[in-house]
Amino acid sequence: MVDELVLLLHALLMRHRALSIENSQLMEQLRLLVCERATLLRQVRPPSCPVPFPETFDGESSRLPEFIVQTASYMLVNENRFCNDAMKVAFLISLLIGEAEEWVVPYIEMDSPILGDYRAFLDEMKQCFGWDDDEEDDDEDEVDEY
């Protein structure tokens, strides 16, 4: 019986040693694959965005239509980043400077519902910073498509 146990223990030790060697080989293969993946990822460049990043808006009324078209176009080609109205409004706010930035602060401080409504936020901007009705009809069609 002792001899059988010794033989069984010896067999288990041999199996353990074989599994340890196999494990080491697999770990080395994994290390090589991780290094190869890192090398390949460094060689791949993500496609560039066909629409440039929008310029900031300082509250100058004549630039409002341009600002809205730029931001709507950018959000359209990057729609996976702007999945809801709150994200769209937050993006617009991040581009406001000067007078326009000062204008939005009270909305943020009172956590206005307008911050979660892209269309209402645009309407409020148009009302505050001026938007000629003729221009609104032309440009609004383009923004509505977004």
Foldseek 3Di string as FASTA:
>chain_A
DVVVVVVVVVVVVVVVVVVVVVVVVVVVVVVVVVVVVVVVVVVDDDDDQPQDQAAADALALVCLLVRLLSLLVVCVSVVVQVVFQLSSLVSNQVRYDHPRVVVCVVCVVVVPPVSRPNVSVSVVSCVRSHDDPVRCVVSVVVSVVD
